[in-house]
N, C-alpha and C. Protein backbone atom coordinates (compact mmCIF):
# COMPACT_ATOMS: atom_id res chain seq x y z
N MET A 1 13.45 -212.66 -73.34
CA MET A 1 15.48 -211.72 -72.77
C MET A 1 15.03 -213.06 -71.47
N SER A 2 16.65 -213.36 -72.13
CA SER A 2 17.16 -214.18 -71.25
C SER A 2 18.44 -213.17 -70.90
N GLY A 3 19.06 -214.03 -69.72
CA GLY A 3 20.28 -213.85 -69.14
C GLY A 3 20.20 -212.83 -67.47
N VAL A 4 20.72 -212.87 -66.90
CA VAL A 4 20.70 -212.74 -65.71
C VAL A 4 20.25 -211.11 -65.30
N TRP A 5 19.84 -210.51 -64.25
CA TRP A 5 19.62 -209.14 -64.01
C TRP A 5 20.03 -208.90 -62.58
N ILE A 6 20.79 -208.16 -63.00
CA ILE A 6 21.90 -207.40 -61.58
C ILE A 6 20.79 -206.22 -60.82
N PHE A 7 20.94 -206.10 -59.56
CA PHE A 7 20.64 -204.85 -59.27
C PHE A 7 21.65 -203.81 -58.83
N ASP A 8 22.15 -202.43 -59.24
CA ASP A 8 23.06 -202.02 -58.38
C ASP A 8 22.97 -201.41 -57.17
N LYS A 9 24.43 -200.38 -56.22
CA LYS A 9 23.84 -200.35 -54.98
C LYS A 9 22.55 -199.16 -55.14
N ASN A 10 22.04 -198.77 -56.50
CA ASN A 10 20.82 -197.31 -55.97
C ASN A 10 19.77 -198.52 -56.64
N GLY A 11 19.75 -199.67 -56.78
CA GLY A 11 18.76 -200.26 -57.01
C GLY A 11 18.06 -200.59 -58.70
N VAL A 12 19.68 -199.63 -59.57
CA VAL A 12 18.66 -200.38 -61.33
C VAL A 12 19.50 -201.03 -61.27
N ALA A 13 18.19 -202.10 -62.23
CA ALA A 13 18.28 -203.24 -62.65
C ALA A 13 19.04 -203.37 -63.50
N ARG A 14 19.84 -204.53 -64.29
CA ARG A 14 20.17 -204.18 -65.72
C ARG A 14 20.42 -205.89 -65.81
N LEU A 15 20.19 -205.57 -67.57
CA LEU A 15 19.97 -207.31 -67.48
C LEU A 15 21.26 -207.62 -68.25
N ILE A 16 22.29 -209.42 -67.92
CA ILE A 16 23.23 -209.33 -68.82
C ILE A 16 23.21 -210.57 -69.23
N THR A 17 23.27 -210.35 -70.47
CA THR A 17 22.98 -211.18 -71.03
C THR A 17 24.65 -212.67 -71.17
N ASN A 18 24.50 -213.86 -71.07
CA ASN A 18 25.58 -214.46 -71.71
C ASN A 18 26.79 -213.83 -70.62
N PRO A 19 25.96 -214.05 -69.15
CA PRO A 19 27.09 -213.63 -67.69
C PRO A 19 28.05 -214.94 -68.31
N THR A 20 29.41 -213.90 -67.38
CA THR A 20 30.38 -215.23 -66.99
C THR A 20 30.67 -214.58 -65.87
N ARG A 21 31.48 -215.30 -64.43
CA ARG A 21 31.49 -215.25 -63.60
C ARG A 21 32.38 -213.92 -63.54
N GLU A 22 34.16 -213.41 -64.72
CA GLU A 22 33.96 -212.23 -64.49
C GLU A 22 33.04 -211.39 -64.76
N SER A 23 32.42 -211.26 -64.87
CA SER A 23 31.39 -210.23 -65.03
C SER A 23 30.37 -209.56 -63.96
N PHE A 24 30.60 -210.68 -63.22
CA PHE A 24 30.12 -210.15 -61.46
C PHE A 24 31.50 -210.02 -60.51
N GLU A 25 32.56 -210.29 -60.39
CA GLU A 25 33.44 -210.44 -59.76
C GLU A 25 34.63 -208.59 -60.30
N GLN A 26 34.06 -208.31 -61.65
CA GLN A 26 34.56 -207.54 -61.62
C GLN A 26 33.86 -205.48 -61.00
N LYS A 27 34.43 -205.03 -60.37
CA LYS A 27 34.32 -204.55 -59.40
C LYS A 27 34.73 -203.03 -59.43
N GLU A 28 36.15 -202.71 -59.56
CA GLU A 28 36.67 -200.89 -60.55
C GLU A 28 36.47 -201.42 -62.15
N PRO A 29 36.65 -200.29 -62.35
CA PRO A 29 36.62 -200.25 -64.06
C PRO A 29 38.41 -200.66 -64.19
N PRO A 30 39.08 -201.96 -65.28
CA PRO A 30 39.98 -202.23 -65.34
C PRO A 30 40.59 -200.89 -66.19
N HIS A 31 40.09 -199.97 -66.80
CA HIS A 31 41.09 -198.54 -67.13
C HIS A 31 40.03 -197.55 -66.47
N PRO A 32 39.79 -196.44 -66.63
CA PRO A 32 39.98 -195.16 -66.19
C PRO A 32 39.02 -195.13 -66.94
N GLY A 33 37.76 -193.87 -67.32
CA GLY A 33 36.90 -193.58 -68.41
C GLY A 33 36.19 -194.31 -69.15
N THR A 34 35.93 -195.74 -68.71
CA THR A 34 34.81 -196.63 -70.09
C THR A 34 34.47 -197.22 -68.99
N ALA A 35 33.52 -197.98 -69.30
CA ALA A 35 32.77 -198.70 -69.53
C ALA A 35 32.87 -199.19 -68.71
N THR A 36 31.68 -199.55 -67.40
CA THR A 36 32.16 -199.98 -66.10
C THR A 36 31.35 -201.16 -65.48
N ALA A 37 29.70 -201.30 -66.48
CA ALA A 37 28.18 -202.27 -66.58
C ALA A 37 29.44 -203.99 -66.68
N PRO A 38 28.98 -204.60 -65.53
CA PRO A 38 29.69 -206.01 -65.71
C PRO A 38 29.63 -207.21 -67.07
N GLY A 39 30.64 -207.19 -67.36
CA GLY A 39 30.91 -207.97 -68.60
C GLY A 39 31.03 -206.95 -69.71
N ALA A 40 31.14 -205.72 -69.98
CA ALA A 40 31.19 -204.85 -70.85
C ALA A 40 32.21 -204.81 -71.04
N ARG A 41 32.32 -204.55 -72.18
CA ARG A 41 33.34 -204.01 -73.10
C ARG A 41 34.29 -202.52 -72.82
N PRO A 42 35.49 -202.57 -72.04
CA PRO A 42 35.69 -201.35 -72.25
C PRO A 42 35.91 -200.53 -73.94
N ARG A 43 35.42 -198.79 -73.04
CA ARG A 43 36.38 -198.31 -74.97
C ARG A 43 37.04 -196.83 -73.87
N VAL A 44 37.69 -196.56 -75.00
CA VAL A 44 38.69 -195.44 -74.64
C VAL A 44 38.20 -194.64 -75.66
N LEU A 45 39.07 -193.26 -76.07
CA LEU A 45 38.34 -192.14 -76.68
C LEU A 45 39.62 -191.42 -76.94
N VAL A 46 39.59 -191.50 -78.89
CA VAL A 46 40.55 -191.80 -79.26
C VAL A 46 40.12 -189.80 -80.30
N TYR A 47 41.77 -189.19 -79.87
CA TYR A 47 41.68 -187.75 -80.98
C TYR A 47 42.60 -188.71 -82.37
N LEU A 48 41.81 -187.84 -83.41
CA LEU A 48 42.31 -189.01 -84.68
C LEU A 48 43.32 -188.61 -85.60
N PRO A 49 43.68 -187.12 -84.75
CA PRO A 49 44.57 -185.98 -85.80
C PRO A 49 45.67 -187.00 -85.67
N ALA A 50 45.95 -187.22 -84.20
CA ALA A 50 47.84 -186.91 -83.49
C ALA A 50 47.19 -188.65 -82.89
N ASN A 51 46.04 -189.69 -83.56
CA ASN A 51 45.64 -191.12 -83.03
C ASN A 51 46.46 -191.14 -81.52
N HIS A 52 45.69 -190.30 -80.88
CA HIS A 52 46.35 -190.19 -79.07
C HIS A 52 45.22 -190.58 -78.39
N VAL A 53 44.63 -191.49 -77.79
CA VAL A 53 44.18 -191.47 -76.31
C VAL A 53 43.71 -191.05 -75.17
N ILE A 54 42.75 -190.31 -75.05
CA ILE A 54 42.47 -189.70 -73.92
C ILE A 54 42.62 -189.55 -72.99
N ARG A 55 43.36 -189.51 -71.81
CA ARG A 55 43.47 -190.55 -70.16
C ARG A 55 42.99 -189.55 -69.16
N SER A 56 42.56 -187.87 -70.16
CA SER A 56 42.35 -187.05 -68.77
C SER A 56 41.41 -186.08 -68.84
N TYR A 57 40.95 -185.02 -68.34
CA TYR A 57 39.93 -183.92 -68.78
C TYR A 57 41.05 -182.97 -69.35
N THR A 58 42.31 -183.28 -68.58
CA THR A 58 43.10 -181.40 -69.35
C THR A 58 43.96 -182.28 -70.89
N GLU A 59 43.32 -182.89 -70.81
CA GLU A 59 43.55 -183.84 -71.83
C GLU A 59 43.07 -183.54 -73.03
N LEU A 60 41.17 -183.75 -72.68
CA LEU A 60 40.79 -183.60 -73.82
C LEU A 60 40.07 -182.27 -73.65
N GLU A 61 40.46 -181.56 -72.48
CA GLU A 61 39.60 -180.09 -72.98
C GLU A 61 40.80 -179.69 -73.73
N GLN A 62 42.51 -179.98 -73.64
CA GLN A 62 43.30 -178.75 -74.45
C GLN A 62 42.70 -179.01 -76.31
N ARG A 63 42.24 -180.35 -76.64
CA ARG A 63 41.93 -180.63 -77.56
C ARG A 63 40.45 -180.26 -78.11
N LEU A 64 39.79 -180.12 -77.20
CA LEU A 64 38.07 -179.38 -77.56
C LEU A 64 38.76 -177.78 -77.47
N ALA A 65 39.79 -177.24 -77.09
CA ALA A 65 39.56 -175.36 -77.44
C ALA A 65 39.81 -175.89 -78.60
N GLU A 66 41.50 -176.44 -79.05
CA GLU A 66 41.75 -176.18 -80.26
C GLU A 66 40.08 -176.33 -81.23
N LEU A 67 39.20 -177.01 -81.20
CA LEU A 67 38.73 -177.07 -81.98
C LEU A 67 36.89 -176.09 -81.68
N GLY A 68 37.51 -174.56 -81.05
CA GLY A 68 36.87 -174.17 -80.47
C GLY A 68 35.25 -174.02 -79.63
N TRP A 69 35.96 -175.21 -79.02
CA TRP A 69 35.29 -175.65 -77.52
C TRP A 69 35.76 -174.48 -75.93
N THR A 70 34.76 -174.11 -75.74
CA THR A 70 35.32 -173.34 -74.90
C THR A 70 34.52 -174.09 -73.46
N ARG A 71 35.36 -173.89 -72.10
CA ARG A 71 34.66 -174.33 -70.73
C ARG A 71 33.09 -173.20 -70.69
N TYR A 72 32.08 -174.26 -70.38
CA TYR A 72 30.91 -173.55 -69.52
C TYR A 72 30.94 -173.79 -68.25
N TYR A 73 30.93 -172.08 -67.29
CA TYR A 73 30.57 -172.14 -65.98
C TYR A 73 29.56 -172.17 -65.73
N ASN A 74 29.11 -173.30 -64.81
CA ASN A 74 26.96 -173.31 -64.59
C ASN A 74 27.12 -173.66 -63.52
N SER A 75 26.93 -172.92 -62.36
CA SER A 75 26.43 -172.95 -61.07
C SER A 75 26.06 -174.19 -60.54
N ASN A 76 24.42 -174.09 -61.51
CA ASN A 76 23.57 -174.53 -61.64
C ASN A 76 23.89 -176.51 -61.67
N GLN A 77 25.36 -176.92 -61.98
CA GLN A 77 25.32 -177.37 -61.80
C GLN A 77 27.00 -177.68 -61.64
N PRO A 78 27.03 -178.44 -60.58
CA PRO A 78 28.65 -177.85 -60.00
C PRO A 78 29.26 -179.68 -60.24
N ASN A 79 28.27 -180.41 -60.33
CA ASN A 79 28.92 -181.96 -60.41
C ASN A 79 29.34 -182.02 -61.68
N LEU A 80 28.79 -181.03 -62.74
CA LEU A 80 29.44 -181.46 -64.12
C LEU A 80 30.68 -180.55 -64.17
N LEU A 81 31.38 -181.03 -65.71
CA LEU A 81 32.12 -180.22 -66.46
C LEU A 81 31.18 -179.61 -67.91
N GLN A 82 30.90 -178.96 -67.77
CA GLN A 82 30.02 -178.86 -69.55
C GLN A 82 31.72 -177.74 -70.03
N PHE A 83 31.10 -178.00 -71.56
CA PHE A 83 31.48 -177.45 -73.32
C PHE A 83 30.77 -176.55 -73.88
N HIS A 84 31.22 -175.63 -73.93
CA HIS A 84 29.69 -174.97 -75.46
C HIS A 84 30.67 -173.99 -76.57
N LYS A 85 30.53 -174.70 -77.61
CA LYS A 85 31.09 -174.33 -79.30
C LYS A 85 30.91 -173.26 -79.06
N SER A 86 30.20 -172.15 -78.98
CA SER A 86 30.29 -170.43 -79.45
C SER A 86 28.92 -169.92 -78.94
N ASP A 87 28.83 -169.01 -78.20
CA ASP A 87 28.08 -168.08 -77.62
C ASP A 87 26.29 -168.24 -77.92
N ASN A 88 26.45 -168.86 -79.84
CA ASN A 88 25.67 -168.37 -80.66
C ASN A 88 25.01 -169.93 -81.05
N SER A 89 25.46 -170.89 -80.64
CA SER A 89 25.49 -172.16 -81.72
C SER A 89 25.06 -173.10 -79.30
N ALA A 90 23.77 -173.53 -79.72
CA ALA A 90 23.03 -174.84 -78.66
C ALA A 90 23.43 -176.17 -78.84
N HIS A 91 25.38 -175.63 -78.84
CA HIS A 91 25.74 -177.34 -78.79
C HIS A 91 26.42 -176.96 -77.48
N LEU A 92 26.34 -178.06 -76.29
CA LEU A 92 26.68 -178.23 -75.09
C LEU A 92 27.55 -180.05 -75.11
N ILE A 93 28.28 -179.91 -74.36
CA ILE A 93 28.90 -181.13 -73.79
C ILE A 93 29.22 -181.12 -72.46
N SER A 94 28.32 -182.13 -71.76
CA SER A 94 28.57 -182.17 -70.33
C SER A 94 29.34 -183.51 -69.88
N LEU A 95 29.95 -183.45 -68.45
CA LEU A 95 30.28 -184.96 -67.88
C LEU A 95 30.30 -184.82 -67.29
N PRO A 96 30.51 -185.55 -66.32
CA PRO A 96 30.98 -185.63 -64.84
C PRO A 96 32.03 -184.71 -64.75
N ARG A 97 32.22 -184.59 -63.46
CA ARG A 97 33.76 -184.24 -62.88
C ARG A 97 34.52 -184.89 -62.63
N ASP A 98 34.28 -186.17 -62.15
CA ASP A 98 35.29 -187.51 -62.13
C ASP A 98 35.61 -188.00 -64.14
N PHE A 99 36.99 -187.89 -64.02
CA PHE A 99 37.23 -189.03 -64.86
C PHE A 99 36.79 -190.09 -65.29
N ASP A 100 37.37 -191.13 -63.81
CA ASP A 100 36.73 -192.25 -63.78
C ASP A 100 35.09 -192.83 -64.25
N SER A 101 34.57 -191.53 -64.24
CA SER A 101 32.45 -192.11 -64.47
C SER A 101 32.32 -191.33 -65.73
N PHE A 102 33.20 -190.95 -66.89
CA PHE A 102 34.04 -190.72 -67.77
C PHE A 102 33.01 -192.04 -68.21
N LYS A 103 31.97 -192.08 -68.92
CA LYS A 103 31.82 -193.91 -69.49
C LYS A 103 31.40 -193.86 -71.24
N SER A 104 31.47 -194.33 -72.01
CA SER A 104 30.66 -194.93 -73.43
C SER A 104 30.35 -193.92 -73.93
N LEU A 105 28.59 -193.84 -73.29
CA LEU A 105 28.10 -193.01 -73.54
C LEU A 105 28.28 -191.35 -73.94
N HIS A 106 29.34 -190.41 -72.58
CA HIS A 106 29.83 -189.44 -72.78
C HIS A 106 30.46 -189.26 -74.51
N MET A 107 31.61 -190.82 -74.39
CA MET A 107 32.65 -190.56 -75.41
C MET A 107 31.72 -190.18 -76.75
N TYR A 108 30.19 -190.98 -76.82
CA TYR A 108 29.83 -190.66 -77.76
C TYR A 108 29.30 -189.51 -78.51
N ASP A 109 29.29 -188.93 -77.13
CA ASP A 109 28.45 -187.35 -77.17
C ASP A 109 29.91 -186.53 -78.16
N ILE A 110 30.55 -186.21 -77.61
CA ILE A 110 31.85 -185.70 -77.89
C ILE A 110 32.54 -186.28 -79.30
N VAL A 111 31.99 -187.87 -80.17
CA VAL A 111 32.19 -188.10 -80.91
C VAL A 111 31.57 -187.01 -81.96
N VAL A 112 29.96 -187.76 -82.01
CA VAL A 112 28.88 -187.29 -82.25
C VAL A 112 29.13 -185.60 -82.66
N LYS A 113 28.97 -184.64 -81.60
CA LYS A 113 29.40 -182.97 -82.54
C LYS A 113 31.34 -182.96 -82.85
N ASN A 114 32.21 -184.14 -83.00
CA ASN A 114 33.56 -183.59 -83.32
C ASN A 114 33.40 -184.34 -84.32
N ARG A 115 32.77 -184.68 -85.74
CA ARG A 115 32.78 -186.36 -86.13
C ARG A 115 33.81 -186.98 -86.71
N SER A 116 34.84 -185.83 -87.23
CA SER A 116 35.65 -185.70 -87.91
C SER A 116 37.41 -185.94 -86.84
N PHE A 117 37.38 -185.56 -85.99
CA PHE A 117 38.08 -184.96 -85.10
C PHE A 117 38.18 -186.73 -83.87
N PHE A 118 37.44 -187.01 -83.77
CA PHE A 118 37.23 -187.88 -82.89
C PHE A 118 37.01 -189.86 -82.71
N GLU A 119 36.82 -190.31 -82.19
CA GLU A 119 36.32 -192.12 -82.64
C GLU A 119 36.18 -192.25 -80.43
N VAL A 120 35.55 -193.42 -80.95
CA VAL A 120 34.75 -194.78 -80.01
C VAL A 120 36.01 -195.64 -79.84
N ARG A 121 37.12 -196.40 -79.58
CA ARG A 121 37.78 -197.72 -80.01
C ARG A 121 37.63 -198.62 -78.77
N ASP A 122 38.09 -199.60 -78.75
CA ASP A 122 38.24 -201.06 -77.76
C ASP A 122 39.63 -200.41 -77.49
N PRO A 123 39.61 -200.38 -76.55
CA PRO A 123 41.80 -200.32 -75.98
C PRO A 123 42.64 -201.35 -76.12
N ALA A 124 42.20 -202.72 -76.77
CA ALA A 124 43.60 -202.98 -77.74
C ALA A 124 43.48 -202.53 -79.06
N ALA A 125 43.14 -202.32 -79.65
CA ALA A 125 42.80 -201.23 -81.17
C ALA A 125 43.35 -200.35 -81.24
N SER A 126 43.77 -199.95 -80.27
CA SER A 126 44.17 -198.43 -79.63
C SER A 126 45.33 -198.39 -80.06
């Protein structure tokens, strides 16, 4: 494994292959709700029927509600927004409460559970 190991403020190490100066200088994500790892390409979640980029949890909650997802209030997890498909289903989407912490990992979870309706894209392609 070649590259540079970077330690974040929590002490978690990440390997950056092909590092650039910009990958070390990037402090804030260029687009809220995108990948923040140094050197990572940002991603956006697109609602396919309208070809619309999701830019807030309000928009996402509206689209999920249209697809039958309802908000699940869990007092044991106050730092998460959660949605479930139905009382009979084990499907659950868990997201960080702050949209700025919404990462591609969360986007792909939504895509997997709603394959025909969402897609993760590079912001330049949107």
